[in-house]
Amino acid sequence: MAHGSYSTVSRALKNNPRVNAGTKAHVQRIAAEMGYPPSAIGRGLVTRRTHTLGVVVTTMTGLFLAEVVSSIEATALLHRYRVILCNSGAEDYDR
């Protein structure tokens, strides 16, 4: 078990240069041994940034829309963003 402040452990896991190299290696080794995965949700709560884009469409049919959404996803991935796609079903209300 690693002993240290939450901020030191967090910085060590993010490979922050402000953490002593020995401490960083120790924390990272223990995290790997424990199978600790970083939490994107936890990081988002602290930084107030989720790196998530929401895309709402009226319907999920049609080749054009598929190409647009595919391009959005590809661009988002290049910038390390995730995409959440939602169908609003707005066309269903017009009937």
N, C-alpha and C. Protein backbone atom coordinates (compact mmCIF):
# COMPACT_ATOMS: atom_id res chain seq x y z
N MET A 1 0.85 -1.18 0.00
CA MET A 1 0.00 0.00 0.00
C MET A 1 0.89 1.24 0.00
N ALA A 2 0.51 2.21 -0.82
CA ALA A 2 1.26 3.47 -0.87
C ALA A 2 0.73 4.41 0.19
N HIS A 3 1.63 5.13 0.80
CA HIS A 3 1.23 6.13 1.80
C HIS A 3 1.61 7.49 1.24
N GLY A 4 0.67 8.38 1.26
CA GLY A 4 0.91 9.72 0.75
C GLY A 4 -0.40 10.46 0.63
N SER A 5 -0.30 11.74 0.38
CA SER A 5 -1.51 12.53 0.25
C SER A 5 -2.23 12.19 -1.05
N TYR A 6 -3.52 12.48 -1.07
CA TYR A 6 -4.30 12.24 -2.28
C TYR A 6 -3.74 13.02 -3.46
N SER A 7 -3.33 14.25 -3.20
CA SER A 7 -2.82 15.07 -4.30
C SER A 7 -1.50 14.52 -4.84
N THR A 8 -0.64 14.00 -3.97
CA THR A 8 0.63 13.43 -4.44
C THR A 8 0.38 12.18 -5.27
N VAL A 9 -0.51 11.33 -4.80
CA VAL A 9 -0.84 10.10 -5.54
C VAL A 9 -1.46 10.47 -6.89
N SER A 10 -2.37 11.42 -6.89
CA SER A 10 -3.01 11.86 -8.13
C SER A 10 -1.98 12.39 -9.11
N ARG A 11 -1.08 13.23 -8.62
CA ARG A 11 -0.03 13.79 -9.49
C ARG A 11 0.90 12.69 -10.00
N ALA A 12 1.23 11.74 -9.14
CA ALA A 12 2.12 10.66 -9.56
C ALA A 12 1.48 9.82 -10.66
N LEU A 13 0.18 9.57 -10.53
CA LEU A 13 -0.52 8.77 -11.54
C LEU A 13 -0.65 9.51 -12.87
N LYS A 14 -0.62 10.85 -12.81
CA LYS A 14 -0.69 11.66 -14.03
C LYS A 14 0.70 11.99 -14.56
N ASN A 15 1.73 11.41 -13.93
CA ASN A 15 3.13 11.60 -14.35
C ASN A 15 3.55 13.07 -14.27
N ASN A 16 3.09 13.75 -13.25
CA ASN A 16 3.39 15.16 -13.05
C ASN A 16 4.86 15.34 -12.66
N PRO A 17 5.57 16.28 -13.30
CA PRO A 17 6.99 16.48 -13.00
C PRO A 17 7.25 17.04 -11.60
N ARG A 18 6.21 17.52 -10.91
CA ARG A 18 6.39 18.06 -9.56
C ARG A 18 6.59 16.97 -8.52
N VAL A 19 6.36 15.70 -8.90
CA VAL A 19 6.50 14.59 -7.95
C VAL A 19 7.87 13.96 -8.13
N ASN A 20 8.53 13.69 -7.02
CA ASN A 20 9.83 13.03 -7.00
C ASN A 20 9.76 11.75 -7.83
N ALA A 21 10.78 11.50 -8.63
CA ALA A 21 10.79 10.33 -9.53
C ALA A 21 10.62 9.02 -8.78
N GLY A 22 11.25 8.90 -7.61
CA GLY A 22 11.12 7.66 -6.82
C GLY A 22 9.71 7.47 -6.30
N THR A 23 9.11 8.54 -5.82
CA THR A 23 7.73 8.48 -5.33
C THR A 23 6.79 8.14 -6.47
N LYS A 24 7.00 8.78 -7.60
CA LYS A 24 6.16 8.54 -8.77
C LYS A 24 6.22 7.07 -9.20
N ALA A 25 7.43 6.52 -9.27
CA ALA A 25 7.61 5.12 -9.67
C ALA A 25 6.93 4.19 -8.67
N HIS A 26 7.07 4.49 -7.38
CA HIS A 26 6.47 3.67 -6.33
C HIS A 26 4.95 3.67 -6.44
N VAL A 27 4.36 4.84 -6.56
CA VAL A 27 2.90 4.94 -6.66
C VAL A 27 2.40 4.24 -7.92
N GLN A 28 3.07 4.47 -9.04
CA GLN A 28 2.64 3.85 -10.30
C GLN A 28 2.77 2.33 -10.25
N ARG A 29 3.81 1.83 -9.59
CA ARG A 29 3.99 0.37 -9.47
C ARG A 29 2.86 -0.23 -8.65
N ILE A 30 2.55 0.39 -7.52
CA ILE A 30 1.48 -0.12 -6.66
C ILE A 30 0.13 -0.06 -7.38
N ALA A 31 -0.12 1.03 -8.10
CA ALA A 31 -1.37 1.15 -8.85
C ALA A 31 -1.48 0.03 -9.89
N ALA A 32 -0.37 -0.26 -10.57
CA ALA A 32 -0.37 -1.34 -11.57
C ALA A 32 -0.60 -2.70 -10.91
N GLU A 33 0.04 -2.94 -9.77
CA GLU A 33 -0.14 -4.21 -9.06
C GLU A 33 -1.58 -4.40 -8.59
N MET A 34 -2.21 -3.30 -8.20
CA MET A 34 -3.59 -3.38 -7.71
C MET A 34 -4.62 -3.36 -8.85
N GLY A 35 -4.14 -3.16 -10.09
CA GLY A 35 -5.04 -3.08 -11.23
C GLY A 35 -5.91 -1.83 -11.20
N TYR A 36 -5.34 -0.76 -10.67
CA TYR A 36 -6.09 0.49 -10.53
C TYR A 36 -6.27 1.18 -11.87
N PRO A 37 -7.51 1.38 -12.31
CA PRO A 37 -7.72 2.15 -13.54
C PRO A 37 -8.01 3.61 -13.20
N PRO A 38 -7.46 4.56 -13.92
CA PRO A 38 -7.80 5.97 -13.66
C PRO A 38 -9.29 6.18 -13.90
N SER A 39 -9.89 7.06 -13.14
CA SER A 39 -11.32 7.33 -13.27
C SER A 39 -11.55 8.62 -14.04
N ALA A 40 -12.09 8.49 -15.25
CA ALA A 40 -12.41 9.67 -16.05
C ALA A 40 -13.51 10.48 -15.38
N ILE A 41 -14.42 9.81 -14.72
CA ILE A 41 -15.51 10.51 -14.02
C ILE A 41 -14.95 11.31 -12.85
N GLY A 42 -14.08 10.69 -12.08
CA GLY A 42 -13.45 11.39 -10.96
C GLY A 42 -12.63 12.58 -11.42
N ARG A 43 -11.89 12.39 -12.50
CA ARG A 43 -11.09 13.48 -13.04
C ARG A 43 -12.00 14.62 -13.51
N GLY A 44 -13.13 14.27 -14.12
CA GLY A 44 -14.08 15.27 -14.58
C GLY A 44 -14.69 16.07 -13.44
N LEU A 45 -14.92 15.40 -12.31
CA LEU A 45 -15.47 16.11 -11.15
C LEU A 45 -14.48 17.14 -10.62
N VAL A 46 -13.21 16.80 -10.64
CA VAL A 46 -12.19 17.71 -10.12
C VAL A 46 -11.91 18.84 -11.10
N THR A 47 -11.77 18.51 -12.38
CA THR A 47 -11.39 19.52 -13.37
C THR A 47 -12.58 20.27 -13.96
N ARG A 48 -13.77 19.73 -13.72
CA ARG A 48 -15.01 20.29 -14.30
C ARG A 48 -14.99 20.25 -15.83
N ARG A 49 -14.27 19.27 -16.36
CA ARG A 49 -14.22 19.04 -17.80
C ARG A 49 -14.36 17.54 -18.03
N THR A 50 -15.31 17.16 -18.86
CA THR A 50 -15.53 15.74 -19.11
C THR A 50 -14.97 15.27 -20.45
N HIS A 51 -14.59 16.21 -21.30
CA HIS A 51 -14.13 15.88 -22.65
C HIS A 51 -15.14 14.96 -23.34
N THR A 52 -16.39 15.34 -23.22
CA THR A 52 -17.49 14.60 -23.83
C THR A 52 -18.35 15.55 -24.63
N LEU A 53 -18.71 15.13 -25.82
CA LEU A 53 -19.60 15.91 -26.67
C LEU A 53 -20.93 15.18 -26.78
N GLY A 54 -22.01 15.92 -26.71
CA GLY A 54 -23.33 15.33 -26.91
C GLY A 54 -23.85 15.71 -28.27
N VAL A 55 -24.31 14.72 -29.02
CA VAL A 55 -24.88 14.97 -30.34
C VAL A 55 -26.31 14.43 -30.31
N VAL A 56 -27.26 15.32 -30.54
CA VAL A 56 -28.68 14.93 -30.56
C VAL A 56 -29.18 15.08 -31.98
N VAL A 57 -29.74 14.01 -32.52
CA VAL A 57 -30.29 14.02 -33.87
C VAL A 57 -31.77 13.69 -33.81
N THR A 58 -32.50 14.09 -34.86
CA THR A 58 -33.94 13.80 -34.87
C THR A 58 -34.23 12.35 -35.23
N THR A 59 -33.37 11.77 -36.02
CA THR A 59 -33.52 10.37 -36.40
C THR A 59 -32.15 9.80 -36.72
N MET A 60 -32.01 8.50 -36.58
CA MET A 60 -30.70 7.90 -36.83
C MET A 60 -30.67 7.17 -38.17
N THR A 61 -31.52 7.56 -39.07
CA THR A 61 -31.51 6.93 -40.39
C THR A 61 -30.94 7.90 -41.41
N GLY A 62 -30.47 7.38 -42.50
CA GLY A 62 -29.96 8.20 -43.59
C GLY A 62 -28.45 8.19 -43.65
N LEU A 63 -27.96 8.07 -44.87
CA LEU A 63 -26.52 8.01 -45.11
C LEU A 63 -25.82 9.33 -44.76
N PHE A 64 -26.44 10.45 -45.09
CA PHE A 64 -25.83 11.75 -44.81
C PHE A 64 -25.57 11.91 -43.32
N LEU A 65 -26.58 11.64 -42.51
CA LEU A 65 -26.42 11.79 -41.06
C LEU A 65 -25.35 10.84 -40.52
N ALA A 66 -25.32 9.63 -41.05
CA ALA A 66 -24.30 8.67 -40.61
C ALA A 66 -22.90 9.21 -40.90
N GLU A 67 -22.72 9.84 -42.05
CA GLU A 67 -21.41 10.40 -42.40
C GLU A 67 -21.07 11.59 -41.51
N VAL A 68 -22.06 12.42 -41.20
CA VAL A 68 -21.82 13.58 -40.33
C VAL A 68 -21.41 13.10 -38.94
N VAL A 69 -22.15 12.16 -38.37
CA VAL A 69 -21.85 11.66 -37.03
C VAL A 69 -20.49 10.96 -37.02
N SER A 70 -20.20 10.21 -38.06
CA SER A 70 -18.90 9.54 -38.15
C SER A 70 -17.76 10.55 -38.17
N SER A 71 -17.93 11.65 -38.89
CA SER A 71 -16.92 12.70 -38.93
C SER A 71 -16.76 13.38 -37.57
N ILE A 72 -17.89 13.61 -36.90
CA ILE A 72 -17.84 14.20 -35.56
C ILE A 72 -17.04 13.29 -34.62
N GLU A 73 -17.33 11.99 -34.66
CA GLU A 73 -16.63 11.04 -33.79
C GLU A 73 -15.14 10.99 -34.11
N ALA A 74 -14.78 10.97 -35.38
CA ALA A 74 -13.37 10.90 -35.77
C ALA A 74 -12.61 12.14 -35.29
N THR A 75 -13.22 13.30 -35.46
CA THR A 75 -12.58 14.54 -35.02
C THR A 75 -12.47 14.59 -33.50
N ALA A 76 -13.52 14.15 -32.84
CA ALA A 76 -13.51 14.14 -31.37
C ALA A 76 -12.39 13.23 -30.85
N LEU A 77 -12.25 12.06 -31.43
CA LEU A 77 -11.20 11.13 -31.00
C LEU A 77 -9.81 11.72 -31.19
N LEU A 78 -9.61 12.44 -32.27
CA LEU A 78 -8.31 13.08 -32.49
C LEU A 78 -7.95 14.05 -31.37
N HIS A 79 -8.98 14.64 -30.76
CA HIS A 79 -8.78 15.61 -29.69
C HIS A 79 -9.07 15.02 -28.31
N ARG A 80 -9.15 13.69 -28.24
CA ARG A 80 -9.36 12.95 -26.99
C ARG A 80 -10.69 13.26 -26.32
N TYR A 81 -11.71 13.42 -27.14
CA TYR A 81 -13.07 13.61 -26.65
C TYR A 81 -13.87 12.35 -26.92
N ARG A 82 -14.92 12.15 -26.13
CA ARG A 82 -15.87 11.07 -26.34
C ARG A 82 -17.15 11.70 -26.88
N VAL A 83 -17.94 10.89 -27.60
CA VAL A 83 -19.19 11.38 -28.16
C VAL A 83 -20.34 10.53 -27.62
N ILE A 84 -21.37 11.21 -27.16
CA ILE A 84 -22.61 10.54 -26.78
C ILE A 84 -23.64 10.92 -27.83
N LEU A 85 -24.22 9.93 -28.48
CA LEU A 85 -25.19 10.14 -29.54
C LEU A 85 -26.58 9.79 -29.04
N CYS A 86 -27.54 10.67 -29.30
CA CYS A 86 -28.90 10.46 -28.83
C CYS A 86 -29.89 10.76 -29.94
N ASN A 87 -30.90 9.94 -30.05
CA ASN A 87 -31.98 10.14 -31.01
C ASN A 87 -33.12 10.82 -30.25
N SER A 88 -33.49 12.03 -30.67
CA SER A 88 -34.54 12.78 -29.98
C SER A 88 -35.94 12.24 -30.27
N GLY A 89 -36.09 11.57 -31.39
CA GLY A 89 -37.41 11.04 -31.76
C GLY A 89 -38.38 12.14 -32.16
N ALA A 90 -37.87 13.32 -32.50
CA ALA A 90 -38.73 14.46 -32.83
C ALA A 90 -39.66 14.15 -34.00
N GLU A 91 -39.20 13.35 -34.94
CA GLU A 91 -40.05 13.02 -36.08
C GLU A 91 -41.27 12.22 -35.66
N ASP A 92 -41.17 11.49 -34.57
CA ASP A 92 -42.30 10.69 -34.08
C ASP A 92 -43.44 11.59 -33.58
N TYR A 93 -43.11 12.82 -33.14
CA TYR A 93 -44.13 13.71 -32.61
C TYR A 93 -44.95 14.39 -33.71
N ASP A 94 -44.41 14.39 -34.93
CA ASP A 94 -45.11 15.04 -36.03
C ASP A 94 -46.23 14.17 -36.61
N ARG A 95 -46.31 12.94 -36.20
CA ARG A 95 -47.30 12.02 -36.77
C ARG A 95 -48.62 12.12 -36.08
